[in-house]
């Protein structure tokens, strides 16, 4: 490891001020940043530790929205009675992230800021039509995700909380890599007042995306059989040592059917 500064602010303004340093990086759970630093794939001049910033914590129900602070750990989402009552699919999603170590250190804000193309939370945010609240503005999920590891966040901008509209029904199913627990394919299905939304992670060449064919089929018939009417194309899907595009296209429909069944 090389030399770098370590700062531990206890206010949001202190955290954003620290990020004004050249090449400074925010440290949330550290599940991605620290390994890349150890491998010398990242070399920030300073780390801004976020765990003591109270504005970034908490889980609450705000009318028809579930609001989760950016520094909320996966294990807290899993065990929260508020989450289980409002959006139980989110609690189940968090329970399937990584292993116990990752769930006890990783945070929802860190996951969304990193936007790994096989991460779970991006699918939930996109399917539920979440709003990403930052230190500067509010960003709808449709405008937030820009591609592989790319988001709408500007330099020095921090996610403070995520607001999820409470759906009528929702569920998440994934076909996980047995080693990493990342999604080879993960599908989040949400039935809302505005219609059915289906978001897919782990499969797209450009990261998380919504599946229009599945949404059309499930809006017509919200049932596992209804998903059979969708044709999921392999174009634009990943092919790698774990699964080719055709197999991922098959898995998208299978996971969607299981998610609809789980949603009830």
C-alpha atoms as a PDB file:
ATOM      1  CA  UNK A   1       0.000   0.000   0.000  1.00  0.00           C
ATOM      2  CA  UNK A   2       1.157   3.551  -0.700  1.00  0.00           C
ATOM      3  CA  UNK A   3       0.792   6.723   1.383  1.00  0.00           C
ATOM      4  CA  UNK A   4      -2.510   8.595   1.417  1.00  0.00           C
ATOM      5  CA  UNK A   5      -4.403  10.906   3.764  1.00  0.00           C
ATOM      6  CA  UNK A   6      -7.259   9.591   5.893  1.00  0.00           C
ATOM      7  CA  UNK A   7     -10.035  11.937   7.002  1.00  0.00           C
ATOM      8  CA  UNK A   8     -12.994  11.096   9.248  1.00  0.00           C
ATOM      9  CA  UNK A   9     -15.502  13.968   9.185  1.00  0.00           C
ATOM     10  CA  UNK A  10     -18.647  13.944  11.306  1.00  0.00           C
ATOM     11  CA  UNK A  11     -20.771  16.286   9.183  1.00  0.00           C
ATOM     12  CA  UNK A  12     -21.990  16.167   5.590  1.00  0.00           C
ATOM     13  CA  UNK A  13     -20.384  19.513   4.851  1.00  0.00           C
ATOM     14  CA  UNK A  14     -17.087  18.209   6.201  1.00  0.00           C
ATOM     15  CA  UNK A  15     -17.323  15.138   3.979  1.00  0.00           C
ATOM     16  CA  UNK A  16     -18.049  17.113   0.819  1.00  0.00           C
ATOM     17  CA  UNK A  17     -15.274  19.572   1.668  1.00  0.00           C
ATOM     18  CA  UNK A  18     -12.845  16.662   2.001  1.00  0.00           C
ATOM     19  CA  UNK A  19     -13.793  15.422  -1.438  1.00  0.00           C
ATOM     20  CA  UNK A  20     -12.640  18.718  -2.915  1.00  0.00           C
ATOM     21  CA  UNK A  21      -9.074  17.507  -2.455  1.00  0.00           C
ATOM     22  CA  UNK A  22      -7.554  16.388  -5.731  1.00  0.00           C
ATOM     23  CA  UNK A  23      -8.013  12.632  -6.328  1.00  0.00           C
ATOM     24  CA  UNK A  24      -9.853  12.178  -2.998  1.00  0.00           C
ATOM     25  CA  UNK A  25     -12.297   9.270  -2.731  1.00  0.00           C
ATOM     26  CA  UNK A  26     -15.241   8.654  -0.416  1.00  0.00           C
ATOM     27  CA  UNK A  27     -14.996   5.517   1.724  1.00  0.00           C
ATOM     28  CA  UNK A  28     -18.367   3.920   2.443  1.00  0.00           C
ATOM     29  CA  UNK A  29     -18.195   0.153   2.961  1.00  0.00           C
ATOM     30  CA  UNK A  30     -14.923  -0.163   1.059  1.00  0.00           C
ATOM     31  CA  UNK A  31     -15.953  -3.430  -0.582  1.00  0.00           C
ATOM     32  CA  UNK A  32     -14.667  -2.286  -3.986  1.00  0.00           C
ATOM     33  CA  UNK A  33     -12.364   0.643  -3.264  1.00  0.00           C
ATOM     34  CA  UNK A  34     -10.030  -1.070  -0.792  1.00  0.00           C
ATOM     35  CA  UNK A  35      -9.388  -4.180  -2.931  1.00  0.00           C
ATOM     36  CA  UNK A  36      -8.656  -2.022  -5.974  1.00  0.00           C
ATOM     37  CA  UNK A  37      -6.227   0.044  -3.909  1.00  0.00           C
ATOM     38  CA  UNK A  38      -4.484  -3.106  -2.714  1.00  0.00           C
ATOM     39  CA  UNK A  39      -4.132  -4.227  -6.311  1.00  0.00           C
ATOM     40  CA  UNK A  40      -2.831  -0.737  -7.204  1.00  0.00           C
ATOM     41  CA  UNK A  41      -5.671  -0.225  -9.650  1.00  0.00           C
ATOM     42  CA  UNK A  42      -6.688   2.920  -7.748  1.00  0.00           C
ATOM     43  CA  UNK A  43      -4.433   5.464  -6.069  1.00  0.00           C
ATOM     44  CA  UNK A  44      -6.481   8.173  -4.308  1.00  0.00           C
ATOM     45  CA  UNK A  45      -4.592  10.922  -2.543  1.00  0.00           C
ATOM     46  CA  UNK A  46      -7.068  10.869   0.351  1.00  0.00           C
ATOM     47  CA  UNK A  47      -9.869   8.719   1.752  1.00  0.00           C
ATOM     48  CA  UNK A  48     -12.891  10.455   3.250  1.00  0.00           C
ATOM     49  CA  UNK A  49     -14.477   8.074   5.769  1.00  0.00           C
ATOM     50  CA  UNK A  50     -18.266   8.483   5.852  1.00  0.00           C
ATOM     51  CA  UNK A  51     -19.356   6.271   8.737  1.00  0.00           C
ATOM     52  CA  UNK A  52     -19.523   9.092  11.313  1.00  0.00           C
ATOM     53  CA  UNK A  53     -21.782  11.366   9.238  1.00  0.00           C
ATOM     54  CA  UNK A  54     -25.289  11.201  10.808  1.00  0.00           C
ATOM     55  CA  UNK A  55     -27.006  12.732   7.756  1.00  0.00           C
ATOM     56  CA  UNK A  56     -26.160   9.559   5.820  1.00  0.00           C
ATOM     57  CA  UNK A  57     -27.858   7.100   8.175  1.00  0.00           C
ATOM     58  CA  UNK A  58     -31.333   5.842   8.957  1.00  0.00           C
ATOM     59  CA  UNK A  59     -34.318   3.954   7.552  1.00  0.00           C
ATOM     60  CA  UNK A  60     -37.792   5.478   7.602  1.00  0.00           C
ATOM     61  CA  UNK A  61     -41.207   5.404   5.958  1.00  0.00           C
ATOM     62  CA  UNK A  62     -42.177   8.782   4.495  1.00  0.00           C
ATOM     63  CA  UNK A  63     -45.736   8.488   3.229  1.00  0.00           C
ATOM     64  CA  UNK A  64     -45.644   6.278   0.133  1.00  0.00           C
ATOM     65  CA  UNK A  65     -41.844   6.150   0.094  1.00  0.00           C
ATOM     66  CA  UNK A  66     -39.237   4.059   1.866  1.00  0.00           C
ATOM     67  CA  UNK A  67     -36.184   6.225   2.600  1.00  0.00           C
ATOM     68  CA  UNK A  68     -32.828   4.596   3.295  1.00  0.00           C
ATOM     69  CA  UNK A  69     -29.687   6.508   4.260  1.00  0.00           C
ATOM     70  CA  UNK A  70     -26.670   6.001   2.023  1.00  0.00           C
ATOM     71  CA  UNK A  71     -24.487   4.570   4.803  1.00  0.00           C
ATOM     72  CA  UNK A  72     -27.054   1.934   5.759  1.00  0.00           C
ATOM     73  CA  UNK A  73     -25.388  -1.467   5.645  1.00  0.00           C
ATOM     74  CA  UNK A  74     -26.901  -4.411   3.787  1.00  0.00           C
ATOM     75  CA  UNK A  75     -27.420  -6.309   7.038  1.00  0.00           C
ATOM     76  CA  UNK A  76     -29.460  -3.391   8.391  1.00  0.00           C
ATOM     77  CA  UNK A  77     -31.707  -3.382   5.321  1.00  0.00           C
ATOM     78  CA  UNK A  78     -32.175  -7.134   5.700  1.00  0.00           C
ATOM     79  CA  UNK A  79     -33.244  -6.911   9.337  1.00  0.00           C
ATOM     80  CA  UNK A  80     -35.248  -3.684   9.274  1.00  0.00           C
ATOM     81  CA  UNK A  81     -38.945  -4.067  10.236  1.00  0.00           C
ATOM     82  CA  UNK A  82     -39.647  -0.869   8.259  1.00  0.00           C
ATOM     83  CA  UNK A  83     -38.154  -2.334   5.075  1.00  0.00           C
ATOM     84  CA  UNK A  84     -39.870  -5.676   5.606  1.00  0.00           C
ATOM     85  CA  UNK A  85     -43.210  -3.918   5.954  1.00  0.00           C
ATOM     86  CA  UNK A  86     -42.838  -1.429   3.089  1.00  0.00           C
ATOM     87  CA  UNK A  87     -40.779  -3.299   0.466  1.00  0.00           C
ATOM     88  CA  UNK A  88     -40.000  -6.837   1.648  1.00  0.00           C
ATOM     89  CA  UNK A  89     -38.329  -7.553  -1.697  1.00  0.00           C
ATOM     90  CA  UNK A  90     -35.551  -5.120  -0.734  1.00  0.00           C
ATOM     91  CA  UNK A  91     -34.912  -6.957   2.531  1.00  0.00           C
ATOM     92  CA  UNK A  92     -34.630 -10.246   0.660  1.00  0.00           C
ATOM     93  CA  UNK A  93     -32.372  -8.684  -1.978  1.00  0.00           C
ATOM     94  CA  UNK A  94     -29.994  -7.372   0.692  1.00  0.00           C
ATOM     95  CA  UNK A  95     -29.891 -10.786   2.367  1.00  0.00           C
ATOM     96  CA  UNK A  96     -28.490 -12.311  -0.835  1.00  0.00           C
ATOM     97  CA  UNK A  97     -25.639  -9.849  -1.351  1.00  0.00           C
ATOM     98  CA  UNK A  98     -22.163 -11.395  -1.095  1.00  0.00           C
ATOM     99  CA  UNK A  99     -21.306 -13.123   2.166  1.00  0.00           C
ATOM    100  CA  UNK A 100     -21.698 -12.175   5.837  1.00  0.00           C
ATOM    101  CA  UNK A 101     -18.579  -9.993   5.761  1.00  0.00           C
ATOM    102  CA  UNK A 102     -19.821  -8.018   2.757  1.00  0.00           C
ATOM    103  CA  UNK A 103     -23.314  -7.623   4.213  1.00  0.00           C
ATOM    104  CA  UNK A 104     -21.907  -6.292   7.486  1.00  0.00           C
ATOM    105  CA  UNK A 105     -19.613  -3.739   5.806  1.00  0.00           C
ATOM    106  CA  UNK A 106     -21.140  -2.884   2.439  1.00  0.00           C
ATOM    107  CA  UNK A 107     -23.633  -0.017   2.147  1.00  0.00           C
ATOM    108  CA  UNK A 108     -26.496   0.804  -0.193  1.00  0.00           C
ATOM    109  CA  UNK A 109     -24.979   4.159  -1.096  1.00  0.00           C
ATOM    110  CA  UNK A 110     -21.617   2.616  -1.878  1.00  0.00           C
ATOM    111  CA  UNK A 111     -23.240   0.008  -4.100  1.00  0.00           C
ATOM    112  CA  UNK A 112     -25.219   2.561  -6.078  1.00  0.00           C
ATOM    113  CA  UNK A 113     -22.268   4.946  -6.373  1.00  0.00           C
ATOM    114  CA  UNK A 114     -20.038   2.154  -7.689  1.00  0.00           C
ATOM    115  CA  UNK A 115     -22.754   0.822 -10.042  1.00  0.00           C
ATOM    116  CA  UNK A 116     -21.155  -2.538 -10.652  1.00  0.00           C
ATOM    117  CA  UNK A 117     -22.928  -4.084 -13.673  1.00  0.00           C
ATOM    118  CA  UNK A 118     -23.654  -7.251 -11.675  1.00  0.00           C
ATOM    119  CA  UNK A 119     -24.716  -5.586  -8.407  1.00  0.00           C
ATOM    120  CA  UNK A 120     -28.196  -6.102  -6.975  1.00  0.00           C
ATOM    121  CA  UNK A 121     -29.331  -2.672  -5.756  1.00  0.00           C
ATOM    122  CA  UNK A 122     -29.269  -0.992  -9.194  1.00  0.00           C
ATOM    123  CA  UNK A 123     -31.994  -3.375 -10.359  1.00  0.00           C
ATOM    124  CA  UNK A 124     -34.148  -2.483  -7.353  1.00  0.00           C
ATOM    125  CA  UNK A 125     -33.615   1.247  -7.825  1.00  0.00           C
ATOM    126  CA  UNK A 126     -34.491   1.124 -11.520  1.00  0.00           C
ATOM    127  CA  UNK A 127     -37.493  -1.207 -11.177  1.00  0.00           C
ATOM    128  CA  UNK A 128     -38.994   0.733  -8.281  1.00  0.00           C
ATOM    129  CA  UNK A 129     -38.348   4.119  -9.868  1.00  0.00           C
ATOM    130  CA  UNK A 130     -36.217   5.243  -6.940  1.00  0.00           C
ATOM    131  CA  UNK A 131     -34.863   8.739  -6.442  1.00  0.00           C
ATOM    132  CA  UNK A 132     -31.163   9.076  -5.617  1.00  0.00           C
ATOM    133  CA  UNK A 133     -30.828  12.009  -3.232  1.00  0.00           C
ATOM    134  CA  UNK A 134     -27.371  13.593  -3.176  1.00  0.00           C
ATOM    135  CA  UNK A 135     -25.571  16.429  -1.430  1.00  0.00           C
ATOM    136  CA  UNK A 136     -26.550  18.624  -4.406  1.00  0.00           C
ATOM    137  CA  UNK A 137     -29.813  17.394  -5.956  1.00  0.00           C
ATOM    138  CA  UNK A 138     -32.354  14.612  -6.536  1.00  0.00           C
ATOM    139  CA  UNK A 139     -31.787  12.218  -9.461  1.00  0.00           C
ATOM    140  CA  UNK A 140     -34.367   9.785 -10.804  1.00  0.00           C
ATOM    141  CA  UNK A 141     -33.064   6.250 -11.322  1.00  0.00           C
ATOM    142  CA  UNK A 142     -33.797   6.498 -15.060  1.00  0.00           C
ATOM    143  CA  UNK A 143     -31.291   9.355 -15.304  1.00  0.00           C
ATOM    144  CA  UNK A 144     -28.812   8.094 -12.712  1.00  0.00           C
ATOM    145  CA  UNK A 145     -27.378   4.936 -14.304  1.00  0.00           C
ATOM    146  CA  UNK A 146     -25.166   5.792 -17.280  1.00  0.00           C
ATOM    147  CA  UNK A 147     -23.316   2.537 -18.086  1.00  0.00           C
ATOM    148  CA  UNK A 148     -20.690   0.196 -16.673  1.00  0.00           C
ATOM    149  CA  UNK A 149     -19.518   1.714 -13.380  1.00  0.00           C
ATOM    150  CA  UNK A 150     -20.843   5.081 -14.611  1.00  0.00           C
ATOM    151  CA  UNK A 151     -23.458   7.256 -12.908  1.00  0.00           C
ATOM    152  CA  UNK A 152     -24.744  10.818 -13.065  1.00  0.00           C
ATOM    153  CA  UNK A 153     -22.768  11.752  -9.939  1.00  0.00           C
ATOM    154  CA  UNK A 154     -20.479  14.732 -10.370  1.00  0.00           C
ATOM    155  CA  UNK A 155     -17.051  15.103  -8.723  1.00  0.00           C
ATOM    156  CA  UNK A 156     -17.496  15.792  -5.019  1.00  0.00           C
ATOM    157  CA  UNK A 157     -21.186  14.800  -5.060  1.00  0.00           C
ATOM    158  CA  UNK A 158     -22.297  12.301  -2.423  1.00  0.00           C
ATOM    159  CA  UNK A 159     -25.380  10.111  -2.232  1.00  0.00           C
ATOM    160  CA  UNK A 160     -27.138  10.958   1.037  1.00  0.00           C
ATOM    161  CA  UNK A 161     -30.214   8.722   0.821  1.00  0.00           C
ATOM    162  CA  UNK A 162     -32.342   6.687  -1.551  1.00  0.00           C
ATOM    163  CA  UNK A 163     -36.120   7.092  -1.742  1.00  0.00           C
ATOM    164  CA  UNK A 164     -38.036   4.034  -2.996  1.00  0.00           C
ATOM    165  CA  UNK A 165     -41.731   4.384  -3.898  1.00  0.00           C
ATOM    166  CA  UNK A 166     -43.616   1.581  -2.175  1.00  0.00           C
ATOM    167  CA  UNK A 167     -44.968  -0.791  -4.865  1.00  0.00           C
ATOM    168  CA  UNK A 168     -48.138  -2.848  -4.873  1.00  0.00           C
ATOM    169  CA  UNK A 169     -46.063  -5.995  -5.300  1.00  0.00           C
ATOM    170  CA  UNK A 170     -42.374  -6.689  -5.900  1.00  0.00           C
ATOM    171  CA  UNK A 171     -39.792  -9.430  -5.855  1.00  0.00           C
ATOM    172  CA  UNK A 172     -36.176 -10.005  -6.874  1.00  0.00           C
ATOM    173  CA  UNK A 173     -34.645 -13.214  -8.134  1.00  0.00           C
ATOM    174  CA  UNK A 174     -31.097 -13.822  -9.261  1.00  0.00           C
ATOM    175  CA  UNK A 175     -28.950 -16.584 -10.671  1.00  0.00           C
ATOM    176  CA  UNK A 176     -25.795 -15.988  -8.650  1.00  0.00           C
ATOM    177  CA  UNK A 177     -22.180 -16.782  -9.369  1.00  0.00           C
ATOM    178  CA  UNK A 178     -21.473 -19.447  -6.710  1.00  0.00           C
ATOM    179  CA  UNK A 179     -18.141 -17.872  -5.755  1.00  0.00           C
ATOM    180  CA  UNK A 180     -18.811 -14.131  -5.700  1.00  0.00           C
ATOM    181  CA  UNK A 181     -22.604 -14.169  -5.272  1.00  0.00           C
ATOM    182  CA  UNK A 182     -22.761 -11.463  -7.917  1.00  0.00           C
ATOM    183  CA  UNK A 183     -25.660 -11.861 -10.329  1.00  0.00           C
ATOM    184  CA  UNK A 184     -25.044 -13.651 -13.601  1.00  0.00           C
ATOM    185  CA  UNK A 185     -28.608 -12.502 -14.092  1.00  0.00           C
ATOM    186  CA  UNK A 186     -30.808 -10.741 -11.569  1.00  0.00           C
ATOM    187  CA  UNK A 187     -34.377  -9.589 -12.254  1.00  0.00           C
ATOM    188  CA  UNK A 188     -36.387  -7.208 -10.078  1.00  0.00           C
ATOM    189  CA  UNK A 189     -40.114  -7.074 -10.885  1.00  0.00           C
ATOM    190  CA  UNK A 190     -42.297  -4.324  -9.416  1.00  0.00           C
ATOM    191  CA  UNK A 191     -46.030  -3.885  -9.885  1.00  0.00           C
ATOM    192  CA  UNK A 192     -46.874  -0.221  -9.356  1.00  0.00           C
ATOM    193  CA  UNK A 193     -49.878   2.036  -9.877  1.00  0.00           C
ATOM    194  CA  UNK A 194     -48.262   3.133 -13.130  1.00  0.00           C
ATOM    195  CA  UNK A 195     -47.727  -0.393 -14.409  1.00  0.00           C
ATOM    196  CA  UNK A 196     -45.198  -3.201 -14.186  1.00  0.00           C
ATOM    197  CA  UNK A 197     -41.492  -2.364 -14.232  1.00  0.00           C
ATOM    198  CA  UNK A 198     -38.796  -4.993 -14.806  1.00  0.00           C
ATOM    199  CA  UNK A 199     -35.093  -4.253 -14.306  1.00  0.00           C
ATOM    200  CA  UNK A 200     -32.248  -6.626 -15.133  1.00  0.00           C
ATOM    201  CA  UNK A 201     -28.738  -6.685 -13.671  1.00  0.00           C
ATOM    202  CA  UNK A 202     -25.731  -8.874 -14.438  1.00  0.00           C
ATOM    203  CA  UNK A 203     -26.663  -9.416 -18.073  1.00  0.00           C
ATOM    204  CA  UNK A 204     -26.400  -6.163 -20.017  1.00  0.00           C
ATOM    205  CA  UNK A 205     -23.297  -4.971 -21.832  1.00  0.00           C
ATOM    206  CA  UNK A 206     -24.017  -1.480 -20.506  1.00  0.00           C
ATOM    207  CA  UNK A 207     -25.096  -2.463 -17.011  1.00  0.00           C
ATOM    208  CA  UNK A 208     -28.570  -2.447 -15.492  1.00  0.00           C
ATOM    209  CA  UNK A 209     -31.521  -1.977 -17.859  1.00  0.00           C
ATOM    210  CA  UNK A 210     -35.282  -2.288 -18.077  1.00  0.00           C
ATOM    211  CA  UNK A 211     -36.774  -5.123 -20.112  1.00  0.00           C
ATOM    212  CA  UNK A 212     -39.492  -3.682 -22.332  1.00  0.00           C
ATOM    213  CA  UNK A 213     -40.692  -7.086 -23.666  1.00  0.00           C
ATOM    214  CA  UNK A 214     -41.225  -8.440 -20.161  1.00  0.00           C
ATOM    215  CA  UNK A 215     -42.922  -5.260 -18.996  1.00  0.00           C
ATOM    216  CA  UNK A 216     -45.373  -5.397 -21.906  1.00  0.00           C
ATOM    217  CA  UNK A 217     -46.137  -9.070 -21.307  1.00  0.00           C
ATOM    218  CA  UNK A 218     -46.608  -8.682 -17.551  1.00  0.00           C
ATOM    219  CA  UNK A 219     -48.739  -5.572 -17.891  1.00  0.00           C
ATOM    220  CA  UNK A 220     -51.083  -7.693 -19.978  1.00  0.00           C
ATOM    221  CA  UNK A 221     -50.956 -10.665 -17.627  1.00  0.00           C
ATOM    222  CA  UNK A 222     -49.163 -10.377 -14.290  1.00  0.00           C
ATOM    223  CA  UNK A 223     -48.420 -14.040 -13.762  1.00  0.00           C
ATOM    224  CA  UNK A 224     -45.543 -16.446 -14.398  1.00  0.00           C
ATOM    225  CA  UNK A 225     -47.386 -17.641 -17.494  1.00  0.00           C
ATOM    226  CA  UNK A 226     -47.660 -14.055 -18.672  1.00  0.00           C
ATOM    227  CA  UNK A 227     -43.869 -13.794 -18.891  1.00  0.00           C
ATOM    228  CA  UNK A 228     -43.902 -16.677 -21.389  1.00  0.00           C
ATOM    229  CA  UNK A 229     -45.366 -14.285 -23.923  1.00  0.00           C
ATOM    230  CA  UNK A 230     -42.224 -12.119 -23.903  1.00  0.00           C
ATOM    231  CA  UNK A 231     -39.359 -12.596 -26.344  1.00  0.00           C
ATOM    232  CA  UNK A 232     -36.106 -11.601 -24.636  1.00  0.00           C
ATOM    233  CA  UNK A 233     -33.393 -10.904 -27.228  1.00  0.00           C
ATOM    234  CA  UNK A 234     -29.766 -11.929 -26.705  1.00  0.00           C
ATOM    235  CA  UNK A 235     -28.474  -8.843 -28.472  1.00  0.00           C
ATOM    236  CA  UNK A 236     -26.807  -6.419 -26.089  1.00  0.00           C
ATOM    237  CA  UNK A 237     -26.212  -9.088 -23.452  1.00  0.00           C
ATOM    238  CA  UNK A 238     -22.873 -10.200 -22.018  1.00  0.00           C
ATOM    239  CA  UNK A 239     -21.013 -13.301 -23.132  1.00  0.00           C
ATOM    240  CA  UNK A 240     -18.160 -14.453 -20.915  1.00  0.00           C
ATOM    241  CA  UNK A 241     -16.664 -17.527 -19.272  1.00  0.00           C
ATOM    242  CA  UNK A 242     -19.683 -17.814 -16.979  1.00  0.00           C
ATOM    243  CA  UNK A 243     -22.521 -17.631 -19.519  1.00  0.00           C
ATOM    244  CA  UNK A 244     -23.084 -16.614 -23.114  1.00  0.00           C
ATOM    245  CA  UNK A 245     -25.680 -14.112 -24.294  1.00  0.00           C
ATOM    246  CA  UNK A 246     -28.249 -16.733 -25.303  1.00  0.00           C
ATOM    247  CA  UNK A 247     -28.086 -18.397 -21.893  1.00  0.00           C
ATOM    248  CA  UNK A 248     -28.424 -15.046 -20.138  1.00  0.00           C
ATOM    249  CA  UNK A 249     -31.470 -14.234 -22.278  1.00  0.00           C
ATOM    250  CA  UNK A 250     -32.996 -17.551 -21.174  1.00  0.00           C
ATOM    251  CA  UNK A 251     -32.165 -16.812 -17.528  1.00  0.00           C
ATOM    252  CA  UNK A 252     -33.776 -13.367 -17.681  1.00  0.00           C
ATOM    253  CA  UNK A 253     -37.145 -14.917 -18.483  1.00  0.00           C
ATOM    254  CA  UNK A 254     -36.710 -17.701 -15.915  1.00  0.00           C
ATOM    255  CA  UNK A 255     -35.768 -15.240 -13.142  1.00  0.00           C
ATOM    256  CA  UNK A 256     -38.643 -12.943 -14.142  1.00  0.00           C
ATOM    257  CA  UNK A 257     -41.147 -15.787 -13.859  1.00  0.00           C
ATOM    258  CA  UNK A 258     -39.777 -16.714 -10.425  1.00  0.00           C
ATOM    259  CA  UNK A 259     -39.930 -13.088  -9.315  1.00  0.00           C
ATOM    260  CA  UNK A 260     -43.574 -12.753 -10.402  1.00  0.00           C
ATOM    261  CA  UNK A 261     -44.414 -15.947  -8.565  1.00  0.00           C
ATOM    262  CA  UNK A 262     -42.626 -14.719  -5.432  1.00  0.00           C
ATOM    263  CA  UNK A 263     -44.417 -11.365  -5.644  1.00  0.00           C
ATOM    264  CA  UNK A 264     -47.729 -13.217  -5.452  1.00  0.00           C
END
